[in-house]
């Protein structure tokens, strides 16, 4: 069995342990997350829900090691990833995570297809066939746009392109911030069905969402409440 297949078939646990996040104002600290603990497993589909401003994106970005926690730690199995150097975190994300932020962050000077191949190269899969890229572009109704640059795409097309870029890596975990935002009902269903399929194939899927429809596809639902900000 190849190293990539071994990694893909292995069960992993992503652990959030006692994570808190504070932001400092002029006269006080604002508490966004307060000692939150969760465990996410490969092969499961999780939704993180709650009102706007409750800390859904903050939590997801901390899990993805894109944002440091004020306290607590993130582990993959027995490996603490939250205390790694920035370079180590970047290498770790490329290997284990497929990430979509709210900004989507496509490389502006690359075509959609080139963005996909760059994602493969960064995670060490530059030898993957063109068919893998085209498979996800087709599933997300983007194949006809593969030679377009991000500036020529609509907000919904950019969102689906970022999802395709995350999917093509076939990582252990997908961490997607509002993946169905800016999508019509047809494409919302396409995305949620595809994410459900990925969970069934053994990938851990974690999304933030306001979409009640997403709950129908999820195995577990996490609801965040506001913290008491006075401290």
Protein backbone atom coordinates (compact mmCIF):
# COMPACT_ATOMS: atom_id res chain seq x y z
CA UNK A 1 0.00 0.00 0.00
CA UNK A 2 1.34 3.46 -0.92
CA UNK A 3 2.04 6.10 1.73
CA UNK A 4 -0.84 8.30 0.48
CA UNK A 5 -3.33 5.42 0.58
CA UNK A 6 -2.11 4.42 4.02
CA UNK A 7 -2.66 7.94 5.31
CA UNK A 8 -6.09 8.19 3.69
CA UNK A 9 -7.30 4.85 5.09
CA UNK A 10 -6.09 5.47 8.64
CA UNK A 11 -8.62 6.70 11.18
CA UNK A 12 -7.65 10.01 12.76
CA UNK A 13 -9.01 12.09 15.64
CA UNK A 14 -8.79 15.88 15.64
CA UNK A 15 -9.02 17.09 19.22
CA UNK A 16 -9.90 20.57 20.46
CA UNK A 17 -8.90 20.76 24.14
CA UNK A 18 -10.00 23.61 26.39
CA UNK A 19 -9.63 26.25 23.66
CA UNK A 20 -10.32 29.89 24.50
CA UNK A 21 -9.97 33.02 22.39
CA UNK A 22 -9.90 36.62 23.57
CA UNK A 23 -9.62 39.86 21.66
CA UNK A 24 -8.46 43.01 23.42
CA UNK A 25 -10.41 46.26 23.22
CA UNK A 26 -9.44 49.63 24.68
CA UNK A 27 -10.58 48.83 28.20
CA UNK A 28 -11.36 45.12 28.31
CA UNK A 29 -10.91 41.75 26.70
CA UNK A 30 -13.70 40.31 24.55
CA UNK A 31 -14.23 36.61 25.07
CA UNK A 32 -15.17 34.78 21.85
CA UNK A 33 -14.51 31.16 22.85
CA UNK A 34 -14.34 29.96 26.42
CA UNK A 35 -12.70 26.59 27.18
CA UNK A 36 -14.26 24.72 24.26
CA UNK A 37 -13.49 21.01 23.83
CA UNK A 38 -14.52 18.80 20.93
CA UNK A 39 -13.35 15.66 19.16
CA UNK A 40 -13.71 15.19 15.40
CA UNK A 41 -13.10 11.89 13.64
CA UNK A 42 -12.41 10.95 10.06
CA UNK A 43 -15.46 9.47 8.34
CA UNK A 44 -17.87 11.86 10.10
CA UNK A 45 -19.64 15.03 8.90
CA UNK A 46 -19.90 17.85 11.48
CA UNK A 47 -21.76 21.15 11.31
CA UNK A 48 -20.80 24.08 13.56
CA UNK A 49 -23.78 26.40 13.90
CA UNK A 50 -24.83 29.47 15.86
CA UNK A 51 -25.70 33.12 15.45
CA UNK A 52 -23.45 35.52 13.55
CA UNK A 53 -20.54 36.62 15.73
CA UNK A 54 -20.71 33.63 18.05
CA UNK A 55 -17.22 32.42 17.05
CA UNK A 56 -17.84 29.76 14.41
CA UNK A 57 -15.19 31.03 12.00
CA UNK A 58 -12.80 31.72 14.86
CA UNK A 59 -13.12 28.13 16.07
CA UNK A 60 -12.65 26.70 12.59
CA UNK A 61 -9.58 28.87 11.94
CA UNK A 62 -8.05 27.79 15.24
CA UNK A 63 -8.67 24.13 14.40
CA UNK A 64 -7.05 24.73 11.00
CA UNK A 65 -4.02 26.34 12.72
CA UNK A 66 -4.64 29.56 10.79
CA UNK A 67 -5.33 31.46 14.02
CA UNK A 68 -3.67 30.96 17.41
CA UNK A 69 -5.83 30.25 20.44
CA UNK A 70 -5.43 32.37 23.57
CA UNK A 71 -5.24 29.14 25.54
CA UNK A 72 -5.84 25.43 25.01
CA UNK A 73 -4.49 23.16 22.30
CA UNK A 74 -5.29 21.34 19.06
CA UNK A 75 -4.09 17.78 18.50
CA UNK A 76 -4.19 15.28 15.68
CA UNK A 77 -4.28 11.97 17.49
CA UNK A 78 -1.37 12.33 19.99
CA UNK A 79 0.44 15.09 18.09
CA UNK A 80 -0.06 18.64 19.33
CA UNK A 81 -0.23 20.85 16.25
CA UNK A 82 -1.09 24.16 17.90
CA UNK A 83 2.45 24.58 19.27
CA UNK A 84 4.22 24.02 15.94
CA UNK A 85 6.21 26.72 14.16
CA UNK A 86 4.44 28.55 11.33
CA UNK A 87 6.40 26.57 8.74
CA UNK A 88 5.53 23.30 10.44
CA UNK A 89 1.86 24.31 10.57
CA UNK A 90 1.89 25.17 6.87
CA UNK A 91 3.41 21.82 5.97
CA UNK A 92 0.94 20.05 8.24
CA UNK A 93 -2.06 21.83 6.68
CA UNK A 94 -0.88 20.94 3.19
CA UNK A 95 -0.64 17.28 4.17
CA UNK A 96 -3.71 16.73 6.33
CA UNK A 97 -6.24 19.53 5.71
CA UNK A 98 -8.34 20.80 2.84
CA UNK A 99 -9.37 24.31 3.88
CA UNK A 100 -11.85 26.87 2.60
CA UNK A 101 -11.92 30.24 4.37
CA UNK A 102 -14.60 32.88 3.88
CA UNK A 103 -12.20 34.78 1.63
CA UNK A 104 -11.62 31.65 -0.52
CA UNK A 105 -8.10 32.93 -1.38
CA UNK A 106 -7.71 31.69 -4.95
CA UNK A 107 -4.41 32.79 -6.50
CA UNK A 108 -5.45 35.68 -8.74
CA UNK A 109 -2.83 35.21 -11.47
CA UNK A 110 -3.60 31.49 -11.95
CA UNK A 111 -6.53 30.01 -13.83
CA UNK A 112 -9.01 27.86 -11.97
CA UNK A 113 -7.36 24.70 -13.25
CA UNK A 114 -3.89 26.03 -12.34
CA UNK A 115 -5.14 26.77 -8.81
CA UNK A 116 -6.17 23.14 -8.55
CA UNK A 117 -2.79 21.84 -9.72
CA UNK A 118 -0.99 24.18 -7.32
CA UNK A 119 -2.96 22.65 -4.43
CA UNK A 120 -1.87 19.19 -5.56
CA UNK A 121 1.75 20.26 -5.85
CA UNK A 122 1.80 21.83 -2.38
CA UNK A 123 0.55 18.61 -0.78
CA UNK A 124 3.02 16.48 -2.72
CA UNK A 125 0.54 15.08 -5.23
CA UNK A 126 1.76 16.86 -8.37
CA UNK A 127 1.81 13.51 -10.18
CA UNK A 128 -1.97 13.14 -9.91
CA UNK A 129 -3.75 12.85 -13.24
CA UNK A 130 -5.68 15.64 -14.90
CA UNK A 131 -8.73 13.41 -14.52
CA UNK A 132 -8.75 13.99 -10.74
CA UNK A 133 -8.91 17.74 -11.22
CA UNK A 134 -11.57 17.50 -13.90
CA UNK A 135 -13.65 15.14 -11.74
CA UNK A 136 -14.16 17.76 -9.04
CA UNK A 137 -14.59 20.63 -11.46
CA UNK A 138 -17.30 18.66 -13.23
CA UNK A 139 -19.07 17.70 -10.01
CA UNK A 140 -19.18 21.35 -8.97
CA UNK A 141 -20.34 22.59 -12.40
CA UNK A 142 -17.06 24.39 -13.06
CA UNK A 143 -15.40 22.42 -15.84
CA UNK A 144 -16.36 24.96 -18.50
CA UNK A 145 -14.58 27.64 -16.41
CA UNK A 146 -11.26 25.82 -15.90
CA UNK A 147 -9.28 28.34 -18.01
CA UNK A 148 -10.82 31.42 -16.37
CA UNK A 149 -9.05 33.64 -13.83
CA UNK A 150 -10.70 34.38 -10.46
CA UNK A 151 -11.49 37.98 -11.49
CA UNK A 152 -13.83 36.62 -14.15
CA UNK A 153 -15.79 34.42 -11.75
CA UNK A 154 -18.90 35.26 -9.76
CA UNK A 155 -18.87 35.02 -5.96
CA UNK A 156 -20.66 31.68 -6.11
CA UNK A 157 -18.22 30.35 -8.70
CA UNK A 158 -15.28 31.46 -6.57
CA UNK A 159 -16.75 29.67 -3.55
CA UNK A 160 -17.24 26.44 -5.50
CA UNK A 161 -13.74 26.78 -6.97
CA UNK A 162 -12.26 27.02 -3.48
CA UNK A 163 -14.21 23.91 -2.47
CA UNK A 164 -12.93 22.05 -5.55
CA UNK A 165 -9.37 23.06 -4.68
CA UNK A 166 -9.80 21.71 -1.13
CA UNK A 167 -11.40 18.48 -2.34
CA UNK A 168 -8.77 17.63 -4.95
CA UNK A 169 -6.14 17.17 -2.24
CA UNK A 170 -8.19 14.31 -0.74
CA UNK A 171 -6.86 15.18 2.70
CA UNK A 172 -7.83 13.57 6.01
CA UNK A 173 -9.99 16.52 7.07
CA UNK A 174 -12.00 19.14 5.18
CA UNK A 175 -12.42 22.40 7.14
CA UNK A 176 -14.87 24.63 5.29
CA UNK A 177 -16.11 28.03 6.48
CA UNK A 178 -19.63 28.71 5.15
CA UNK A 179 -19.13 26.53 2.04
CA UNK A 180 -22.67 27.15 0.75
CA UNK A 181 -22.66 30.93 1.24
CA UNK A 182 -23.42 32.78 -2.03
CA UNK A 183 -24.76 29.58 -3.62
CA UNK A 184 -28.20 29.00 -5.07
CA UNK A 185 -30.32 26.08 -3.88
CA UNK A 186 -29.17 23.79 -6.71
CA UNK A 187 -25.46 24.27 -6.02
CA UNK A 188 -26.01 24.18 -2.26
CA UNK A 189 -27.42 20.68 -2.68
CA UNK A 190 -24.53 19.68 -4.98
CA UNK A 191 -21.95 20.80 -2.41
CA UNK A 192 -23.66 19.16 0.57
CA UNK A 193 -24.14 15.88 -1.27
CA UNK A 194 -20.49 15.87 -2.29
CA UNK A 195 -19.34 16.56 1.27
CA UNK A 196 -21.56 13.74 2.51
CA UNK A 197 -19.91 11.42 -0.02
CA UNK A 198 -16.45 12.45 1.18
CA UNK A 199 -17.40 11.65 4.79
CA UNK A 200 -18.71 8.28 3.66
CA UNK A 201 -15.33 7.66 2.00
CA UNK A 202 -13.51 8.22 5.30
CA UNK A 203 -12.69 11.94 5.28
CA UNK A 204 -13.57 14.09 8.28
CA UNK A 205 -15.79 16.99 7.18
CA UNK A 206 -16.19 20.03 9.45
CA UNK A 207 -18.17 23.04 8.24
CA UNK A 208 -19.55 26.22 9.72
CA UNK A 209 -22.95 27.07 8.37
CA UNK A 210 -26.23 28.95 8.80
CA UNK A 211 -27.98 26.53 6.45
CA UNK A 212 -30.57 24.38 8.20
CA UNK A 213 -30.45 22.09 5.16
CA UNK A 214 -26.86 21.17 6.05
CA UNK A 215 -28.03 19.48 9.25
CA UNK A 216 -29.79 16.81 7.18
CA UNK A 217 -26.41 15.69 5.81
CA UNK A 218 -24.44 15.82 9.06
CA UNK A 219 -23.64 13.09 11.55
CA UNK A 220 -23.09 15.52 14.41
CA UNK A 221 -24.22 19.09 15.05
CA UNK A 222 -22.34 21.55 17.24
CA UNK A 223 -24.11 24.71 18.40
CA UNK A 224 -22.08 27.61 19.77
CA UNK A 225 -23.51 30.19 22.17
CA UNK A 226 -22.25 33.69 22.96
CA UNK A 227 -19.80 34.05 25.82
CA UNK A 228 -20.17 36.59 28.58
CA UNK A 229 -17.73 39.21 27.32
CA UNK A 230 -17.14 41.04 30.56
CA UNK A 231 -13.91 39.93 32.14
